[in-house]
């Protein structure tokens, strides 16, 4: 395991990479002894420094929950990160691509909780009962660690590669729609790039919410009412660059559009 000094140093490197929109060498190449617990400790130091600076936490992202994403990254274990209020965009937004590194888009559903949710034995049924509504969302990936050869330790340390999210406008309660069958057609500059259905996330997109509640229980914490939970992508990540226009059609849950400037 890493020392507290090493954890603080890596968190500082990642904070500077975030500020400068740069990339640092893989943590696991320099510290092969680093563990998953170390990576969450690094993420926690970075999170707490941002909170102390005045940023407001609005929710959590869950990543690597689908076979598509696991095959795309070579990582088979889900992870999670934090989301701040200044990273949330609405459909139709112009997104400054220079604010991010290794910029890619993922297709997801987000859930807003109406009641707290806690482990240790949380089920998908418990998660659905705690969810106020689902809303379609695009996640903007923002990777500050070199991609080649990265492991789950690298990804978690880098706030699970979260950069921003773009929220749709259609809200559905879990009893209003079969969430497993929410579709997505993802376009870049008018050309279709990816398709998928939400069941690609652990057979039900709310399963990730239950997983996260159980994971939090291990740290004596719970998910709180009002939090936004980004449940994980059910397509492969799509690279984007300045000038690209992105459109995702979620069928009965509407359309999200954004442009990278």
Protein backbone atom coordinates (compact mmCIF):
# COMPACT_ATOMS: atom_id res chain seq x y z
CA UNK A 1 0.00 0.00 0.00
CA UNK A 2 1.05 3.61 -0.54
CA UNK A 3 2.08 5.98 2.21
CA UNK A 4 -0.02 9.02 3.05
CA UNK A 5 2.71 11.20 1.54
CA UNK A 6 2.61 9.27 -1.75
CA UNK A 7 -1.20 9.48 -1.83
CA UNK A 8 -1.07 13.25 -1.27
CA UNK A 9 1.60 13.67 -3.97
CA UNK A 10 -0.38 11.73 -6.58
CA UNK A 11 -3.55 13.68 -5.71
CA UNK A 12 -1.58 16.90 -6.22
CA UNK A 13 -0.33 15.67 -9.61
CA UNK A 14 -3.88 14.87 -10.70
CA UNK A 15 -5.16 18.24 -9.46
CA UNK A 16 -2.50 20.01 -11.53
CA UNK A 17 -3.30 17.84 -14.56
CA UNK A 18 -6.97 18.77 -14.13
CA UNK A 19 -6.08 22.47 -13.93
CA UNK A 20 -3.73 22.33 -16.92
CA UNK A 21 -5.86 19.81 -18.90
CA UNK A 22 -2.85 17.54 -19.13
CA UNK A 23 -1.91 13.89 -18.71
CA UNK A 24 0.43 12.23 -16.20
CA UNK A 25 2.22 8.84 -16.42
CA UNK A 26 0.38 5.78 -15.16
CA UNK A 27 0.33 5.50 -11.39
CA UNK A 28 0.71 1.72 -11.56
CA UNK A 29 3.84 2.05 -13.71
CA UNK A 30 5.48 4.11 -10.96
CA UNK A 31 3.85 2.47 -7.93
CA UNK A 32 3.09 -1.17 -8.84
CA UNK A 33 2.25 -1.87 -5.19
CA UNK A 34 -0.72 0.57 -5.27
CA UNK A 35 -4.06 -1.03 -4.35
CA UNK A 36 -7.70 -0.23 -5.08
CA UNK A 37 -7.95 1.14 -1.53
CA UNK A 38 -5.05 3.47 -2.32
CA UNK A 39 -6.79 4.68 -5.47
CA UNK A 40 -9.97 5.60 -3.59
CA UNK A 41 -7.81 7.36 -0.99
CA UNK A 42 -6.18 9.41 -3.77
CA UNK A 43 -9.59 10.24 -5.20
CA UNK A 44 -10.80 11.17 -1.70
CA UNK A 45 -7.94 13.63 -1.12
CA UNK A 46 -8.68 15.30 -4.48
CA UNK A 47 -12.44 15.37 -3.73
CA UNK A 48 -12.00 16.92 -0.29
CA UNK A 49 -9.69 19.60 -1.64
CA UNK A 50 -12.30 20.54 -4.23
CA UNK A 51 -15.04 20.66 -1.61
CA UNK A 52 -12.84 22.85 0.58
CA UNK A 53 -12.37 25.18 -2.40
CA UNK A 54 -16.14 25.67 -2.65
CA UNK A 55 -17.27 23.16 -5.26
CA UNK A 56 -20.58 21.42 -4.52
CA UNK A 57 -21.02 17.66 -4.83
CA UNK A 58 -24.23 16.76 -6.70
CA UNK A 59 -23.85 13.03 -7.19
CA UNK A 60 -21.77 10.00 -8.10
CA UNK A 61 -20.81 8.27 -11.30
CA UNK A 62 -20.53 4.53 -11.68
CA UNK A 63 -18.27 3.20 -14.41
CA UNK A 64 -17.28 -0.02 -16.15
CA UNK A 65 -20.65 -1.67 -15.51
CA UNK A 66 -21.24 -3.04 -19.02
CA UNK A 67 -19.43 -5.63 -21.13
CA UNK A 68 -19.02 -2.98 -23.83
CA UNK A 69 -17.08 -0.70 -21.50
CA UNK A 70 -15.12 -3.52 -19.86
CA UNK A 71 -13.99 -4.78 -23.26
CA UNK A 72 -13.13 -1.24 -24.38
CA UNK A 73 -10.90 -0.62 -21.33
CA UNK A 74 -9.67 -4.09 -20.42
CA UNK A 75 -10.97 -3.49 -16.86
CA UNK A 76 -13.60 -5.86 -15.45
CA UNK A 77 -14.44 -4.30 -12.07
CA UNK A 78 -16.94 -1.42 -11.66
CA UNK A 79 -15.71 1.82 -10.13
CA UNK A 80 -17.14 5.12 -8.96
CA UNK A 81 -16.28 8.81 -8.74
CA UNK A 82 -17.81 12.12 -7.66
CA UNK A 83 -19.64 14.77 -9.69
CA UNK A 84 -19.60 18.49 -8.91
CA UNK A 85 -22.30 21.02 -9.77
CA UNK A 86 -20.11 22.90 -12.26
CA UNK A 87 -19.80 19.78 -14.44
CA UNK A 88 -23.51 19.49 -15.29
CA UNK A 89 -24.74 20.66 -18.70
CA UNK A 90 -28.21 20.69 -20.27
CA UNK A 91 -29.07 19.30 -23.69
CA UNK A 92 -28.16 21.81 -26.39
CA UNK A 93 -25.05 23.04 -24.58
CA UNK A 94 -21.76 24.09 -26.13
CA UNK A 95 -18.99 22.24 -24.26
CA UNK A 96 -15.41 23.60 -24.29
CA UNK A 97 -13.32 20.64 -25.41
CA UNK A 98 -10.12 22.28 -24.13
CA UNK A 99 -11.37 21.81 -20.56
CA UNK A 100 -10.85 18.05 -20.83
CA UNK A 101 -8.20 15.47 -21.74
CA UNK A 102 -8.71 12.32 -23.85
CA UNK A 103 -12.29 13.43 -24.51
CA UNK A 104 -14.86 10.73 -25.18
CA UNK A 105 -18.63 10.36 -24.84
CA UNK A 106 -20.62 7.59 -23.15
CA UNK A 107 -24.35 6.85 -23.30
CA UNK A 108 -26.02 6.42 -19.92
CA UNK A 109 -29.07 6.82 -17.72
CA UNK A 110 -28.92 8.98 -14.62
CA UNK A 111 -31.10 8.49 -11.55
CA UNK A 112 -32.18 11.07 -8.99
CA UNK A 113 -32.85 9.67 -5.53
CA UNK A 114 -35.93 10.65 -3.53
CA UNK A 115 -34.84 8.80 -0.37
CA UNK A 116 -31.45 7.76 1.05
CA UNK A 117 -30.13 4.36 0.00
CA UNK A 118 -27.83 2.24 2.14
CA UNK A 119 -26.27 -1.24 2.12
CA UNK A 120 -25.14 -3.79 2.98
CA UNK A 121 -27.80 -5.86 1.23
CA UNK A 122 -29.32 -3.37 -1.18
CA UNK A 123 -31.07 -4.97 -4.16
CA UNK A 124 -32.17 -3.56 -7.49
CA UNK A 125 -35.72 -3.49 -6.09
CA UNK A 126 -34.49 -1.37 -3.16
CA UNK A 127 -32.75 0.96 -5.59
CA UNK A 128 -35.86 1.35 -7.74
CA UNK A 129 -37.92 2.18 -4.64
CA UNK A 130 -35.43 4.93 -3.71
CA UNK A 131 -35.29 6.47 -7.21
CA UNK A 132 -37.43 9.51 -7.92
CA UNK A 133 -36.89 9.47 -11.66
CA UNK A 134 -34.57 8.44 -14.47
CA UNK A 135 -33.22 10.89 -17.06
CA UNK A 136 -31.03 10.20 -20.11
CA UNK A 137 -27.47 11.46 -19.83
CA UNK A 138 -24.24 11.65 -21.80
CA UNK A 139 -21.01 11.39 -19.83
CA UNK A 140 -17.95 13.31 -21.00
CA UNK A 141 -14.87 11.28 -20.11
CA UNK A 142 -11.83 13.22 -18.94
CA UNK A 143 -8.70 11.08 -18.47
CA UNK A 144 -5.63 12.66 -16.89
CA UNK A 145 -3.60 9.44 -16.89
CA UNK A 146 -2.09 7.90 -20.02
CA UNK A 147 -4.55 5.37 -21.40
CA UNK A 148 -2.27 2.58 -22.59
CA UNK A 149 -1.81 -0.10 -19.93
CA UNK A 150 -3.93 1.61 -17.28
CA UNK A 151 -5.59 -0.47 -14.60
CA UNK A 152 -8.56 -0.03 -12.27
CA UNK A 153 -6.18 1.67 -9.81
CA UNK A 154 -5.26 4.33 -12.35
CA UNK A 155 -8.86 4.92 -13.37
CA UNK A 156 -10.27 5.23 -9.84
CA UNK A 157 -7.48 7.59 -8.79
CA UNK A 158 -8.46 9.84 -11.69
CA UNK A 159 -12.04 10.21 -10.36
CA UNK A 160 -13.11 7.28 -12.54
CA UNK A 161 -12.31 9.43 -15.63
CA UNK A 162 -15.37 11.63 -15.06
CA UNK A 163 -15.39 15.03 -16.72
CA UNK A 164 -18.97 16.21 -17.16
CA UNK A 165 -22.48 15.08 -17.95
CA UNK A 166 -25.17 16.37 -20.30
CA UNK A 167 -28.71 15.77 -19.04
CA UNK A 168 -31.79 15.27 -21.16
CA UNK A 169 -35.20 16.78 -20.51
CA UNK A 170 -37.46 13.70 -20.26
CA UNK A 171 -37.95 12.33 -16.74
CA UNK A 172 -39.52 8.92 -16.12
CA UNK A 173 -40.39 7.26 -12.82
CA UNK A 174 -39.28 3.62 -12.64
CA UNK A 175 -42.93 2.52 -12.78
CA UNK A 176 -43.56 4.48 -16.00
CA UNK A 177 -41.11 2.69 -18.28
CA UNK A 178 -39.19 -0.57 -18.58
CA UNK A 179 -35.73 0.83 -17.90
CA UNK A 180 -34.01 -2.29 -19.25
CA UNK A 181 -35.33 -1.50 -22.73
CA UNK A 182 -34.41 2.17 -23.00
CA UNK A 183 -32.62 2.41 -26.39
CA UNK A 184 -29.85 4.71 -27.57
CA UNK A 185 -28.72 5.72 -31.05
CA UNK A 186 -25.52 7.77 -30.79
CA UNK A 187 -24.54 10.08 -33.67
CA UNK A 188 -21.47 12.23 -34.33
CA UNK A 189 -21.74 14.89 -37.02
CA UNK A 190 -24.85 13.21 -38.40
CA UNK A 191 -23.30 9.73 -38.67
CA UNK A 192 -24.44 6.91 -36.41
CA UNK A 193 -21.58 5.56 -34.31
CA UNK A 194 -23.03 3.39 -31.52
CA UNK A 195 -26.29 1.71 -30.53
CA UNK A 196 -27.36 -0.07 -27.35
CA UNK A 197 -30.05 -0.71 -24.76
CA UNK A 198 -29.85 0.04 -21.06
CA UNK A 199 -29.98 -3.64 -20.06
CA UNK A 200 -26.33 -3.73 -21.16
CA UNK A 201 -25.57 -2.26 -17.73
CA UNK A 202 -25.58 -5.31 -15.42
CA UNK A 203 -28.90 -6.50 -16.95
CA UNK A 204 -30.68 -3.48 -15.40
CA UNK A 205 -29.26 0.07 -15.15
CA UNK A 206 -30.44 0.42 -11.53
CA UNK A 207 -28.31 -2.57 -10.52
CA UNK A 208 -25.33 -0.24 -10.46
CA UNK A 209 -27.12 2.02 -7.98
CA UNK A 210 -27.61 -0.94 -5.64
CA UNK A 211 -23.95 -1.95 -6.11
CA UNK A 212 -22.83 1.56 -5.18
CA UNK A 213 -24.99 1.64 -2.05
CA UNK A 214 -23.46 -1.64 -0.92
CA UNK A 215 -19.96 -0.38 -1.74
CA UNK A 216 -20.56 2.78 0.28
CA UNK A 217 -21.68 0.70 3.25
CA UNK A 218 -18.16 -0.71 3.45
CA UNK A 219 -16.98 2.83 4.20
CA UNK A 220 -19.77 3.64 6.66
CA UNK A 221 -21.59 5.89 4.17
CA UNK A 222 -24.83 5.93 2.18
CA UNK A 223 -26.32 7.58 -0.90
CA UNK A 224 -28.40 10.61 0.00
CA UNK A 225 -31.77 11.91 -1.23
CA UNK A 226 -31.37 14.36 -4.10
CA UNK A 227 -28.12 12.87 -5.37
CA UNK A 228 -27.72 12.17 -9.09
CA UNK A 229 -26.34 8.70 -9.81
CA UNK A 230 -24.85 8.21 -13.28
CA UNK A 231 -25.31 4.50 -13.78
CA UNK A 232 -22.72 3.51 -16.40
CA UNK A 233 -22.50 3.36 -20.19
CA UNK A 234 -24.27 0.82 -22.35
CA UNK A 235 -22.21 1.64 -25.45
CA UNK A 236 -18.49 1.87 -26.10
CA UNK A 237 -16.92 5.32 -25.57
CA UNK A 238 -16.89 7.56 -28.64
CA UNK A 239 -13.99 9.96 -29.24
CA UNK A 240 -14.91 13.60 -29.86
CA UNK A 241 -12.93 16.70 -30.84
CA UNK A 242 -13.47 20.42 -31.25
CA UNK A 243 -16.18 21.09 -33.82
CA UNK A 244 -18.01 17.79 -33.33
CA UNK A 245 -21.77 17.74 -32.87
CA UNK A 246 -23.21 14.87 -30.82
CA UNK A 247 -26.80 13.66 -30.83
CA UNK A 248 -28.24 10.70 -28.94
CA UNK A 249 -31.78 9.44 -29.52
CA UNK A 250 -33.20 7.61 -26.49
CA UNK A 251 -36.57 6.78 -28.09
CA UNK A 252 -39.32 7.32 -25.49
CA UNK A 253 -36.88 9.23 -23.27
CA UNK A 254 -36.12 11.90 -25.84
CA UNK A 255 -32.99 13.28 -27.47
CA UNK A 256 -29.79 14.84 -26.12
CA UNK A 257 -27.71 17.15 -28.28
CA UNK A 258 -24.47 19.01 -27.61
CA UNK A 259 -21.58 20.57 -29.48
CA UNK A 260 -17.88 20.58 -28.63
CA UNK A 261 -16.33 24.00 -29.16
